[in-house]
């Protein structure tokens, strides 16, 4: 289970504070998700919190 951020990322930072397991971090020009840490918010929310707030809709299943 993991999500990824596509190249459409606008580097807005909306997703990072939403992650309950701190799997999202700033890359060079876009945010990235640590696949080994991402739980897709299972046990925390009904759906991935980062995807819900992403204005570019660039967070997808890996």
Protein backbone atom coordinates (compact mmCIF):
# COMPACT_ATOMS: atom_id res chain seq x y z
CA UNK A 1 0.00 0.00 0.00
CA UNK A 2 1.43 3.30 -1.00
CA UNK A 3 0.73 6.49 -2.86
CA UNK A 4 2.99 8.56 -5.06
CA UNK A 5 3.08 12.17 -6.17
CA UNK A 6 3.25 12.72 -9.93
CA UNK A 7 5.16 15.37 -11.84
CA UNK A 8 2.05 17.58 -11.84
CA UNK A 9 2.96 18.56 -8.25
CA UNK A 10 2.96 22.35 -7.87
CA UNK A 11 5.11 22.24 -4.70
CA UNK A 12 2.32 23.91 -2.71
CA UNK A 13 2.98 21.97 0.53
CA UNK A 14 -0.70 21.27 1.25
CA UNK A 15 -0.10 17.53 1.54
CA UNK A 16 2.84 17.39 3.93
CA UNK A 17 1.09 18.40 7.19
CA UNK A 18 -1.84 16.06 6.42
CA UNK A 19 0.23 12.87 6.59
CA UNK A 20 -0.26 11.14 9.96
CA UNK A 21 2.92 9.06 9.56
CA UNK A 22 5.20 11.82 8.16
CA UNK A 23 5.78 9.94 4.89
CA UNK A 24 5.70 13.11 2.77
CA UNK A 25 8.71 15.39 2.37
CA UNK A 26 9.92 18.14 0.08
CA UNK A 27 12.06 17.02 -2.80
CA UNK A 28 14.01 19.33 -5.09
CA UNK A 29 11.05 20.65 -7.06
CA UNK A 30 8.14 18.51 -5.90
CA UNK A 31 6.98 16.65 -2.82
CA UNK A 32 7.70 12.93 -2.49
CA UNK A 33 6.11 10.08 -0.53
CA UNK A 34 8.25 7.47 1.22
CA UNK A 35 6.60 4.28 -0.05
CA UNK A 36 7.92 2.24 2.88
CA UNK A 37 6.20 4.56 5.38
CA UNK A 38 2.94 5.39 3.54
CA UNK A 39 -0.13 3.62 4.94
CA UNK A 40 -2.67 5.42 2.70
CA UNK A 41 -4.02 6.68 6.06
CA UNK A 42 -5.32 3.24 6.98
CA UNK A 43 -6.24 3.40 10.64
CA UNK A 44 -6.21 7.21 10.60
CA UNK A 45 -8.82 8.27 8.03
CA UNK A 46 -11.36 6.77 5.62
CA UNK A 47 -9.29 7.86 2.62
CA UNK A 48 -5.80 9.29 2.03
CA UNK A 49 -5.73 12.73 3.65
CA UNK A 50 -3.02 14.07 1.37
CA UNK A 51 -4.97 13.29 -1.79
CA UNK A 52 -8.06 14.99 -0.35
CA UNK A 53 -6.26 18.34 0.02
CA UNK A 54 -4.10 18.24 -3.12
CA UNK A 55 -5.19 21.09 -5.44
CA UNK A 56 -3.30 19.57 -8.40
CA UNK A 57 -4.86 16.13 -7.87
CA UNK A 58 -1.44 14.58 -8.40
CA UNK A 59 -1.42 12.01 -5.59
CA UNK A 60 -2.20 8.56 -6.95
CA UNK A 61 -1.75 4.90 -6.03
CA UNK A 62 1.80 3.73 -6.61
